[in-house]
């Protein structure tokens, strides 16, 4: 059997954002790129695990606002899926998705 190693260009990477409760631009606590496969392994492949943020132009748009606290822990995980990462099983649209029922630790 033939094993093909993927090049960096072939690996589908999603950007994961950890966001504080208040949905302002400075409340992105951190972000990192992970492979879509790792993302699905971590949070599951069911589309119901992710809420598509229709029309969102940033990871902090359309997030319920709570009290602002510049030193609070992250309250939301948001995933950015680029066009080449879209798949018909889990991420059907390019854009931002809130991971449901997950609070980053």
C-alpha atoms as a PDB file:
ATOM      1  CA  UNK A   1       0.000   0.000   0.000  1.00  0.00           C
ATOM      2  CA  UNK A   2       1.163   3.487  -0.835  1.00  0.00           C
ATOM      3  CA  UNK A   3       1.433   6.073   1.966  1.00  0.00           C
ATOM      4  CA  UNK A   4       1.275   9.649   0.803  1.00  0.00           C
ATOM      5  CA  UNK A   5       2.471  12.367   3.120  1.00  0.00           C
ATOM      6  CA  UNK A   6       0.535  15.613   2.897  1.00  0.00           C
ATOM      7  CA  UNK A   7       2.362  18.799   2.154  1.00  0.00           C
ATOM      8  CA  UNK A   8       1.725  21.908   4.220  1.00  0.00           C
ATOM      9  CA  UNK A   9      -0.416  23.272   1.408  1.00  0.00           C
ATOM     10  CA  UNK A  10      -2.636  20.157   1.445  1.00  0.00           C
ATOM     11  CA  UNK A  11      -3.434  20.218   5.156  1.00  0.00           C
ATOM     12  CA  UNK A  12      -6.712  21.984   5.829  1.00  0.00           C
ATOM     13  CA  UNK A  13      -6.237  24.407   8.702  1.00  0.00           C
ATOM     14  CA  UNK A  14      -8.946  26.194  10.614  1.00  0.00           C
ATOM     15  CA  UNK A  15      -8.341  29.138  12.928  1.00  0.00           C
ATOM     16  CA  UNK A  16      -9.666  28.717  16.458  1.00  0.00           C
ATOM     17  CA  UNK A  17     -10.357  31.850  18.522  1.00  0.00           C
ATOM     18  CA  UNK A  18     -10.840  31.927  22.298  1.00  0.00           C
ATOM     19  CA  UNK A  19     -13.045  34.902  23.138  1.00  0.00           C
ATOM     20  CA  UNK A  20     -13.941  36.605  26.408  1.00  0.00           C
ATOM     21  CA  UNK A  21     -17.563  37.236  27.347  1.00  0.00           C
ATOM     22  CA  UNK A  22     -17.891  40.756  25.929  1.00  0.00           C
ATOM     23  CA  UNK A  23     -17.850  40.624  22.143  1.00  0.00           C
ATOM     24  CA  UNK A  24     -15.436  43.455  21.415  1.00  0.00           C
ATOM     25  CA  UNK A  25     -12.361  43.121  19.169  1.00  0.00           C
ATOM     26  CA  UNK A  26      -9.903  43.374  22.056  1.00  0.00           C
ATOM     27  CA  UNK A  27     -11.533  40.439  23.819  1.00  0.00           C
ATOM     28  CA  UNK A  28      -9.970  37.770  21.638  1.00  0.00           C
ATOM     29  CA  UNK A  29      -7.838  36.088  24.257  1.00  0.00           C
ATOM     30  CA  UNK A  30      -5.856  33.993  21.793  1.00  0.00           C
ATOM     31  CA  UNK A  31      -6.057  32.143  18.518  1.00  0.00           C
ATOM     32  CA  UNK A  32      -4.286  29.275  16.812  1.00  0.00           C
ATOM     33  CA  UNK A  33      -4.446  27.250  13.650  1.00  0.00           C
ATOM     34  CA  UNK A  34      -5.364  23.589  13.873  1.00  0.00           C
ATOM     35  CA  UNK A  35      -6.120  21.012  11.239  1.00  0.00           C
ATOM     36  CA  UNK A  36      -9.802  20.509  10.472  1.00  0.00           C
ATOM     37  CA  UNK A  37      -9.349  16.817  11.314  1.00  0.00           C
ATOM     38  CA  UNK A  38      -7.993  17.699  14.777  1.00  0.00           C
ATOM     39  CA  UNK A  39     -10.814  20.175  15.267  1.00  0.00           C
ATOM     40  CA  UNK A  40     -13.414  17.515  14.451  1.00  0.00           C
ATOM     41  CA  UNK A  41     -11.647  15.013  16.716  1.00  0.00           C
ATOM     42  CA  UNK A  42     -11.725  17.538  19.563  1.00  0.00           C
ATOM     43  CA  UNK A  43     -15.252  18.950  19.239  1.00  0.00           C
ATOM     44  CA  UNK A  44     -17.012  16.254  17.201  1.00  0.00           C
ATOM     45  CA  UNK A  45     -18.178  15.929  13.621  1.00  0.00           C
ATOM     46  CA  UNK A  46     -21.908  16.499  14.187  1.00  0.00           C
ATOM     47  CA  UNK A  47     -23.035  19.744  12.519  1.00  0.00           C
ATOM     48  CA  UNK A  48     -25.188  20.387  15.609  1.00  0.00           C
ATOM     49  CA  UNK A  49     -21.956  20.964  17.590  1.00  0.00           C
ATOM     50  CA  UNK A  50     -21.366  24.176  15.636  1.00  0.00           C
ATOM     51  CA  UNK A  51     -23.523  27.263  15.120  1.00  0.00           C
ATOM     52  CA  UNK A  52     -22.837  29.024  11.827  1.00  0.00           C
ATOM     53  CA  UNK A  53     -22.442  32.796  12.328  1.00  0.00           C
ATOM     54  CA  UNK A  54     -24.199  33.835   9.125  1.00  0.00           C
ATOM     55  CA  UNK A  55     -22.899  37.124   7.768  1.00  0.00           C
ATOM     56  CA  UNK A  56     -20.210  37.480  10.450  1.00  0.00           C
ATOM     57  CA  UNK A  57     -17.114  39.329   9.291  1.00  0.00           C
ATOM     58  CA  UNK A  58     -15.163  38.678  12.479  1.00  0.00           C
ATOM     59  CA  UNK A  59     -14.996  36.025  15.202  1.00  0.00           C
ATOM     60  CA  UNK A  60     -16.611  38.259  17.829  1.00  0.00           C
ATOM     61  CA  UNK A  61     -19.698  39.242  15.838  1.00  0.00           C
ATOM     62  CA  UNK A  62     -23.066  37.779  16.841  1.00  0.00           C
ATOM     63  CA  UNK A  63     -21.890  36.566  20.239  1.00  0.00           C
ATOM     64  CA  UNK A  64     -24.172  37.209  23.173  1.00  0.00           C
ATOM     65  CA  UNK A  65     -22.680  40.029  25.158  1.00  0.00           C
ATOM     66  CA  UNK A  66     -22.182  39.681  28.859  1.00  0.00           C
ATOM     67  CA  UNK A  67     -20.572  42.015  31.341  1.00  0.00           C
ATOM     68  CA  UNK A  68     -17.275  43.398  30.117  1.00  0.00           C
ATOM     69  CA  UNK A  69     -14.232  42.182  32.004  1.00  0.00           C
ATOM     70  CA  UNK A  70     -10.854  42.678  30.365  1.00  0.00           C
ATOM     71  CA  UNK A  71      -9.309  40.025  32.621  1.00  0.00           C
ATOM     72  CA  UNK A  72     -11.952  37.323  32.368  1.00  0.00           C
ATOM     73  CA  UNK A  73     -11.305  33.817  31.124  1.00  0.00           C
ATOM     74  CA  UNK A  74     -12.430  32.923  27.616  1.00  0.00           C
ATOM     75  CA  UNK A  75     -16.131  32.146  27.362  1.00  0.00           C
ATOM     76  CA  UNK A  76     -16.504  31.104  23.708  1.00  0.00           C
ATOM     77  CA  UNK A  77     -14.679  29.063  21.111  1.00  0.00           C
ATOM     78  CA  UNK A  78     -15.102  30.357  17.557  1.00  0.00           C
ATOM     79  CA  UNK A  79     -13.769  28.571  14.493  1.00  0.00           C
ATOM     80  CA  UNK A  80     -12.984  30.214  11.158  1.00  0.00           C
ATOM     81  CA  UNK A  81     -13.378  27.939   8.147  1.00  0.00           C
ATOM     82  CA  UNK A  82     -11.842  29.052   4.843  1.00  0.00           C
ATOM     83  CA  UNK A  83     -13.241  28.065   1.453  1.00  0.00           C
ATOM     84  CA  UNK A  84     -10.824  25.178   0.928  1.00  0.00           C
ATOM     85  CA  UNK A  85     -11.800  23.729   4.344  1.00  0.00           C
ATOM     86  CA  UNK A  86     -15.548  23.542   3.686  1.00  0.00           C
ATOM     87  CA  UNK A  87     -16.921  20.006   3.709  1.00  0.00           C
ATOM     88  CA  UNK A  88     -20.450  18.748   3.264  1.00  0.00           C
ATOM     89  CA  UNK A  89     -20.475  16.799   6.519  1.00  0.00           C
ATOM     90  CA  UNK A  90     -19.599  19.305   9.251  1.00  0.00           C
ATOM     91  CA  UNK A  91     -18.733  22.751   7.895  1.00  0.00           C
ATOM     92  CA  UNK A  92     -21.010  23.459   4.946  1.00  0.00           C
ATOM     93  CA  UNK A  93     -20.190  27.166   4.588  1.00  0.00           C
ATOM     94  CA  UNK A  94     -17.093  29.314   4.651  1.00  0.00           C
ATOM     95  CA  UNK A  95     -17.025  31.631   7.652  1.00  0.00           C
ATOM     96  CA  UNK A  96     -17.228  31.612  11.441  1.00  0.00           C
ATOM     97  CA  UNK A  97     -18.802  28.982  13.678  1.00  0.00           C
ATOM     98  CA  UNK A  98     -19.379  29.080  17.442  1.00  0.00           C
ATOM     99  CA  UNK A  99     -18.624  25.730  19.034  1.00  0.00           C
ATOM    100  CA  UNK A 100     -21.771  24.959  21.047  1.00  0.00           C
ATOM    101  CA  UNK A 101     -21.682  24.121  24.739  1.00  0.00           C
ATOM    102  CA  UNK A 102     -17.908  24.473  25.018  1.00  0.00           C
ATOM    103  CA  UNK A 103     -16.197  26.773  27.460  1.00  0.00           C
ATOM    104  CA  UNK A 104     -12.430  26.883  26.996  1.00  0.00           C
ATOM    105  CA  UNK A 105     -10.311  26.097  30.015  1.00  0.00           C
END
